Amino acid sequence: MTRVKPGKTTRRRHKAILKAASGYRASRSRRFKAAKEAVMHSMAYATAHRRLKKRQTRALAIIRINAAAHANGMSYSTFMHGLKQAGVDLDRKSLSELAIREPAAFTEVVNTAKSAVAV
């Protein structure tokens, strides 16, 4: 059987890893073994942090809605309950954007929630 040298395959694999590790500090961007470990870790973190990003974005939206609702004389929980009662189907992301960019419109939404809770 003839001998096969791993030239092309190995070089391509190494180049792909080193390209993914470009921008890393010191030997992590230059040495294959260190780069491979760094890239593997970064991929694991990227997977975990995609989930975390969703969680943190929702938490930030809730904080913003809470602040805007309190500015209009309502707590967050009462506000959300009022929206449910009124049948307003706006998600938290939309509500937080509304609170930041259109305070007058958000005040109208708060008034809708207040009237639904009062009934």
Protein backbone atom coordinates (compact mmCIF):
# COMPACT_ATOMS: atom_id res chain seq x y z
CA MET A 1 0.00 0.00 0.00
CA THR A 2 1.28 3.45 -0.84
CA ARG A 3 2.06 6.04 1.77
CA VAL A 4 -0.21 9.07 1.95
CA LYS A 5 1.21 12.22 3.42
CA PRO A 6 -1.37 14.40 5.19
CA GLY A 7 -0.18 17.58 3.55
CA LYS A 8 -3.24 19.19 1.96
CA THR A 9 -5.82 18.03 4.47
CA THR A 10 -3.80 18.98 7.54
CA ARG A 11 -2.76 22.32 6.10
CA ARG A 12 -6.36 23.22 5.26
CA ARG A 13 -7.57 22.19 8.71
CA HIS A 14 -4.78 24.15 10.39
CA LYS A 15 -5.41 27.21 8.25
CA ALA A 16 -9.14 27.13 9.08
CA ILE A 17 -8.41 27.01 12.83
CA LEU A 18 -5.74 29.73 12.63
CA LYS A 19 -8.08 31.93 10.60
CA ALA A 20 -10.79 31.51 13.28
CA ALA A 21 -8.18 32.40 15.93
CA SER A 22 -6.93 35.52 14.16
CA GLY A 23 -7.16 38.45 16.52
CA TYR A 24 -6.44 36.34 19.59
CA ARG A 25 -3.49 37.37 21.75
CA ALA A 26 0.04 35.96 21.58
CA SER A 27 0.53 32.30 20.63
CA ARG A 28 -3.22 31.65 20.55
CA SER A 29 -3.28 33.28 17.13
CA ARG A 30 -0.05 31.72 15.84
CA ARG A 31 0.42 28.19 17.19
CA PHE A 32 -2.03 25.54 16.04
CA LYS A 33 -2.36 23.66 19.31
CA ALA A 34 -3.00 26.79 21.39
CA ALA A 35 -5.27 28.22 18.69
CA LYS A 36 -7.33 25.04 18.54
CA GLU A 37 -7.95 25.11 22.29
CA ALA A 38 -8.85 28.80 22.20
CA VAL A 39 -11.25 28.32 19.29
CA MET A 40 -12.92 25.33 20.98
CA HIS A 41 -13.43 27.38 24.15
CA SER A 42 -14.73 30.34 22.19
CA MET A 43 -17.26 28.15 20.37
CA ALA A 44 -18.50 26.75 23.67
CA TYR A 45 -18.85 30.25 25.11
CA ALA A 46 -20.61 31.47 21.97
CA THR A 47 -23.20 28.70 22.29
CA ALA A 48 -23.84 29.41 25.96
CA HIS A 49 -23.90 33.17 25.50
CA ARG A 50 -26.48 33.04 22.71
CA ARG A 51 -28.86 31.71 25.35
CA LEU A 52 -27.69 34.26 27.93
CA LYS A 53 -28.18 37.15 25.51
CA LYS A 54 -31.89 36.35 25.20
CA ARG A 55 -32.23 36.25 28.99
CA GLN A 56 -30.37 39.53 29.51
CA THR A 57 -32.29 41.32 26.76
CA ARG A 58 -35.60 40.32 28.34
CA ALA A 59 -34.38 41.45 31.78
CA LEU A 60 -33.31 44.82 30.37
CA ALA A 61 -36.69 45.26 28.66
CA ILE A 62 -38.47 44.53 31.96
CA ILE A 63 -36.30 47.08 33.79
CA ARG A 64 -37.09 49.74 31.18
CA ILE A 65 -40.83 49.01 31.26
CA ASN A 66 -40.79 49.09 35.06
CA ALA A 67 -39.09 52.50 35.10
CA ALA A 68 -41.49 53.94 32.52
CA ALA A 69 -44.54 52.45 34.28
CA HIS A 70 -43.42 53.90 37.62
CA ALA A 71 -42.97 57.29 35.93
CA ASN A 72 -46.65 57.01 34.96
CA GLY A 73 -47.72 56.01 38.46
CA MET A 74 -48.03 52.25 38.05
CA SER A 75 -45.99 49.24 39.09
CA TYR A 76 -44.68 46.78 36.51
CA SER A 77 -46.81 43.86 37.67
CA THR A 78 -50.02 45.92 37.77
CA PHE A 79 -49.20 47.35 34.35
CA MET A 80 -48.66 43.91 32.80
CA HIS A 81 -51.82 42.59 34.47
CA GLY A 82 -53.78 45.56 33.10
CA LEU A 83 -52.48 44.91 29.58
CA LYS A 84 -53.57 41.27 29.84
CA GLN A 85 -57.02 42.35 31.05
CA ALA A 86 -57.33 44.90 28.24
CA GLY A 87 -56.30 42.31 25.64
CA VAL A 88 -53.25 44.27 24.48
CA ASP A 89 -50.79 41.84 22.89
CA LEU A 90 -47.51 43.75 22.91
CA ASP A 91 -44.35 41.91 23.83
CA ARG A 92 -41.84 43.29 26.32
CA LYS A 93 -39.33 44.24 23.63
CA SER A 94 -41.90 46.41 21.83
CA LEU A 95 -43.08 47.96 25.09
CA SER A 96 -39.54 48.89 26.14
CA GLU A 97 -38.81 50.45 22.74
CA LEU A 98 -42.09 52.35 22.99
CA ALA A 99 -41.17 53.57 26.48
CA ILE A 100 -37.80 54.86 25.26
CA ARG A 101 -38.66 56.29 21.84
CA GLU A 102 -42.33 57.32 22.21
CA PRO A 103 -43.11 58.28 25.83
CA ALA A 104 -46.46 59.82 24.88
CA ALA A 105 -47.61 56.63 23.19
CA PHE A 106 -46.41 54.58 26.18
CA THR A 107 -48.46 56.85 28.46
CA GLU A 108 -51.53 55.99 26.37
CA VAL A 109 -50.78 52.28 26.80
CA VAL A 110 -50.43 52.82 30.56
CA ASN A 111 -53.79 54.61 30.63
CA THR A 112 -55.34 51.65 28.77
CA ALA A 113 -53.88 49.28 31.38
CA LYS A 114 -55.11 51.51 34.23
CA SER A 115 -58.64 51.57 32.90
CA ALA A 116 -58.63 47.77 32.48
CA VAL A 117 -57.43 47.23 36.06
CA ALA A 118 -59.96 49.71 37.48
CA VAL A 119 -62.90 47.81 35.97
